[in-house]
């Protein structure tokens, strides 16, 4: 197995972690601002339902279960899961290959409901 070379610190002039985080936050805010409220509400409800089940899931599972339609842009998923994570509904459960056919099995975050949320929702 080939391993990637890892540096303990960013190499000067090649990586700016703060700029990367700022760009990510700006992109997520832009995507959230242009997400239809009806889709955002349906997605939030779908995430909460999957979280209550206590199973590990990803965005594709919400579509496969018929809980929410595919959004007009894949950029809509990030802000939806970020809001649920910040609200304590879900937490990361690893990284898996996406089940969505449109992304050719790229890696994506898997999620599960937090223990606190499942207890409160019971």
Protein backbone atom coordinates (compact mmCIF):
# COMPACT_ATOMS: atom_id res chain seq x y z
CA UNK A 1 0.00 0.00 0.00
CA UNK A 2 1.33 3.42 -0.95
CA UNK A 3 1.10 6.00 1.81
CA UNK A 4 0.87 9.72 1.33
CA UNK A 5 3.75 11.82 2.62
CA UNK A 6 2.56 13.84 5.62
CA UNK A 7 4.22 16.96 7.01
CA UNK A 8 3.59 17.89 10.65
CA UNK A 9 3.06 21.53 9.66
CA UNK A 10 1.97 23.38 6.56
CA UNK A 11 4.89 24.10 4.26
CA UNK A 12 5.31 27.86 3.95
CA UNK A 13 3.87 29.20 0.72
CA UNK A 14 2.00 26.04 -0.28
CA UNK A 15 -0.96 25.76 2.06
CA UNK A 16 -2.95 28.33 3.96
CA UNK A 17 -5.30 26.39 6.25
CA UNK A 18 -7.05 29.55 7.46
CA UNK A 19 -7.77 30.64 3.89
CA UNK A 20 -9.07 27.17 3.11
CA UNK A 21 -11.46 27.24 6.07
CA UNK A 22 -12.61 30.75 5.12
CA UNK A 23 -13.29 29.67 1.53
CA UNK A 24 -15.19 26.61 2.79
CA UNK A 25 -17.33 28.72 5.14
CA UNK A 26 -18.02 31.26 2.37
CA UNK A 27 -19.03 28.52 -0.06
CA UNK A 28 -21.31 26.84 2.48
CA UNK A 29 -22.97 30.17 3.30
CA UNK A 30 -23.51 30.89 -0.39
CA UNK A 31 -25.01 27.44 -0.96
CA UNK A 32 -27.27 27.76 2.09
CA UNK A 33 -28.48 31.20 1.00
CA UNK A 34 -29.58 29.80 -2.38
CA UNK A 35 -31.20 26.62 -1.11
CA UNK A 36 -35.00 26.52 -1.49
CA UNK A 37 -36.64 26.61 1.95
CA UNK A 38 -38.94 23.70 1.06
CA UNK A 39 -35.99 21.43 0.22
CA UNK A 40 -34.03 22.61 3.27
CA UNK A 41 -36.98 21.85 5.58
CA UNK A 42 -37.57 18.41 4.00
CA UNK A 43 -33.86 17.57 4.27
CA UNK A 44 -33.73 18.64 7.94
CA UNK A 45 -36.73 16.43 8.71
CA UNK A 46 -35.13 13.51 6.84
CA UNK A 47 -31.86 13.89 8.73
CA UNK A 48 -33.72 13.96 12.05
CA UNK A 49 -35.67 10.82 11.14
CA UNK A 50 -32.49 8.92 10.23
CA UNK A 51 -30.80 10.23 13.38
CA UNK A 52 -33.65 8.88 15.54
CA UNK A 53 -33.23 5.46 13.95
CA UNK A 54 -29.67 5.30 15.24
CA UNK A 55 -28.24 3.98 11.97
CA UNK A 56 -25.18 5.18 10.11
CA UNK A 57 -26.29 7.03 6.97
CA UNK A 58 -25.23 9.36 4.18
CA UNK A 59 -27.03 11.77 1.87
CA UNK A 60 -27.82 9.03 -0.66
CA UNK A 61 -29.78 7.13 1.99
CA UNK A 62 -32.17 10.06 2.40
CA UNK A 63 -32.98 9.87 -1.31
CA UNK A 64 -33.15 6.05 -1.40
CA UNK A 65 -35.63 6.08 1.51
CA UNK A 66 -37.79 8.60 -0.36
CA UNK A 67 -37.37 11.15 2.43
CA UNK A 68 -36.08 13.98 0.24
CA UNK A 69 -35.54 14.61 -3.46
CA UNK A 70 -32.14 15.11 -5.05
CA UNK A 71 -31.36 18.83 -4.68
CA UNK A 72 -30.86 21.10 -7.68
CA UNK A 73 -27.17 21.27 -6.74
CA UNK A 74 -25.01 18.83 -4.74
CA UNK A 75 -23.72 21.89 -2.88
CA UNK A 76 -26.98 21.89 -0.90
CA UNK A 77 -26.02 18.82 1.14
CA UNK A 78 -23.10 20.32 3.06
CA UNK A 79 -24.99 23.14 4.76
CA UNK A 80 -27.88 20.80 5.65
CA UNK A 81 -25.64 18.29 7.38
CA UNK A 82 -23.56 21.06 8.97
CA UNK A 83 -26.67 22.64 10.53
CA UNK A 84 -27.79 19.28 11.91
CA UNK A 85 -24.31 18.60 13.26
CA UNK A 86 -24.06 22.00 14.95
CA UNK A 87 -27.53 21.48 16.44
CA UNK A 88 -26.38 18.22 18.07
CA UNK A 89 -28.67 16.04 15.95
CA UNK A 90 -25.92 14.08 14.18
CA UNK A 91 -22.22 13.39 14.50
CA UNK A 92 -19.63 12.04 12.06
CA UNK A 93 -19.48 8.25 11.83
CA UNK A 94 -16.57 7.89 9.41
CA UNK A 95 -15.89 8.28 5.73
CA UNK A 96 -17.40 5.90 3.19
CA UNK A 97 -17.86 5.59 -0.56
CA UNK A 98 -20.90 7.50 -1.69
CA UNK A 99 -23.88 5.46 -2.86
CA UNK A 100 -24.95 8.28 -5.19
CA UNK A 101 -24.54 7.26 -8.82
CA UNK A 102 -23.82 10.83 -9.87
CA UNK A 103 -20.52 10.99 -7.97
CA UNK A 104 -18.97 7.69 -9.04
CA UNK A 105 -18.43 6.32 -5.53
CA UNK A 106 -16.31 9.23 -4.29
CA UNK A 107 -15.69 9.48 -0.58
CA UNK A 108 -18.27 11.14 1.63
CA UNK A 109 -18.98 11.58 5.30
CA UNK A 110 -21.21 9.06 7.06
CA UNK A 111 -23.37 10.29 9.94
CA UNK A 112 -25.31 8.91 12.88
CA UNK A 113 -27.69 10.43 15.38
CA UNK A 114 -26.06 11.57 18.60
CA UNK A 115 -26.93 9.62 21.72
CA UNK A 116 -28.32 12.81 23.31
CA UNK A 117 -30.59 13.49 20.33
CA UNK A 118 -31.86 9.91 20.23
CA UNK A 119 -32.66 10.01 23.96
CA UNK A 120 -34.43 13.37 23.67
CA UNK A 121 -36.41 12.23 20.61
CA UNK A 122 -37.52 8.94 22.22
